[in-house]
Amino acid sequence: MTATPGLRRPAQLATLGNGVVPQQAARALQILAPPPPLCRHRTLL
């Protein structure tokens, strides 16, 4: 993202950084969060 009309360099960097954060957070949760428990029994309602 370079030479964007009307957007100064700090704003360009902030825009790029903000777009990456949700993707990094999603990947971190995939790696760090424990897998959901396997349910072997179904409950009847």
C-alpha atoms as a PDB file:
ATOM      1  CA  MET A   1       0.000   0.000   0.000  1.00  0.00           C
ATOM      2  CA  THR A   2       2.044   2.896  -1.253  1.00  0.00           C
ATOM      3  CA  ALA A   3       1.252   6.276  -2.730  1.00  0.00           C
ATOM      4  CA  THR A   4      -2.381   6.239  -1.636  1.00  0.00           C
ATOM      5  CA  PRO A   5      -3.871   9.665  -2.393  1.00  0.00           C
ATOM      6  CA  GLY A   6      -4.957  11.491   0.757  1.00  0.00           C
ATOM      7  CA  LEU A   7      -3.504   8.912   3.149  1.00  0.00           C
ATOM      8  CA  ARG A   8      -0.274   9.725   4.958  1.00  0.00           C
ATOM      9  CA  ARG A   9       2.329   7.065   5.738  1.00  0.00           C
ATOM     10  CA  PRO A  10       1.312   6.484   9.402  1.00  0.00           C
ATOM     11  CA  ALA A  11      -2.317   5.976   8.352  1.00  0.00           C
ATOM     12  CA  GLN A  12      -1.213   3.532   5.631  1.00  0.00           C
ATOM     13  CA  LEU A  13       0.755   1.496   8.162  1.00  0.00           C
ATOM     14  CA  ALA A  14      -2.112   1.517  10.658  1.00  0.00           C
ATOM     15  CA  THR A  15      -4.513   0.317   7.970  1.00  0.00           C
ATOM     16  CA  LEU A  16      -2.226  -2.526   6.982  1.00  0.00           C
ATOM     17  CA  GLY A  17      -1.631  -3.526  10.600  1.00  0.00           C
ATOM     18  CA  ASN A  18      -5.317  -3.503  11.507  1.00  0.00           C
ATOM     19  CA  GLY A  19      -6.119  -5.832   8.632  1.00  0.00           C
ATOM     20  CA  VAL A  20      -3.663  -8.455   9.817  1.00  0.00           C
ATOM     21  CA  VAL A  21      -4.618  -8.576  13.499  1.00  0.00           C
ATOM     22  CA  PRO A  22      -7.900 -10.543  13.125  1.00  0.00           C
ATOM     23  CA  GLN A  23      -6.159 -13.150  10.960  1.00  0.00           C
ATOM     24  CA  GLN A  24      -3.334 -13.518  13.478  1.00  0.00           C
ATOM     25  CA  ALA A  25      -5.806 -13.805  16.357  1.00  0.00           C
ATOM     26  CA  ALA A  26      -7.784 -16.508  14.582  1.00  0.00           C
ATOM     27  CA  ARG A  27      -4.629 -18.517  13.904  1.00  0.00           C
ATOM     28  CA  ALA A  28      -3.424 -18.083  17.489  1.00  0.00           C
ATOM     29  CA  LEU A  29      -6.728 -19.452  18.786  1.00  0.00           C
ATOM     30  CA  GLN A  30      -6.453 -22.437  16.463  1.00  0.00           C
ATOM     31  CA  ILE A  31      -2.988 -23.195  17.814  1.00  0.00           C
ATOM     32  CA  LEU A  32      -3.476 -22.395  21.505  1.00  0.00           C
ATOM     33  CA  ALA A  33      -7.086 -23.295  22.281  1.00  0.00           C
ATOM     34  CA  PRO A  34      -7.758 -26.876  23.296  1.00  0.00           C
ATOM     35  CA  PRO A  35      -9.881 -28.876  20.882  1.00  0.00           C
ATOM     36  CA  PRO A  36     -13.562 -29.193  21.783  1.00  0.00           C
ATOM     37  CA  PRO A  37     -14.412 -32.344  23.728  1.00  0.00           C
ATOM     38  CA  LEU A  38     -15.790 -35.258  21.776  1.00  0.00           C
ATOM     39  CA  CYS A  39     -19.292 -36.110  22.860  1.00  0.00           C
ATOM     40  CA  ARG A  40     -19.911 -39.835  22.635  1.00  0.00           C
ATOM     41  CA  HIS A  41     -23.435 -39.718  24.039  1.00  0.00           C
ATOM     42  CA  ARG A  42     -26.390 -37.910  22.661  1.00  0.00           C
ATOM     43  CA  THR A  43     -28.880 -36.558  25.129  1.00  0.00           C
ATOM     44  CA  LEU A  44     -32.547 -36.895  24.325  1.00  0.00           C
ATOM     45  CA  LEU A  45     -34.628 -33.816  24.903  1.00  0.00           C
END
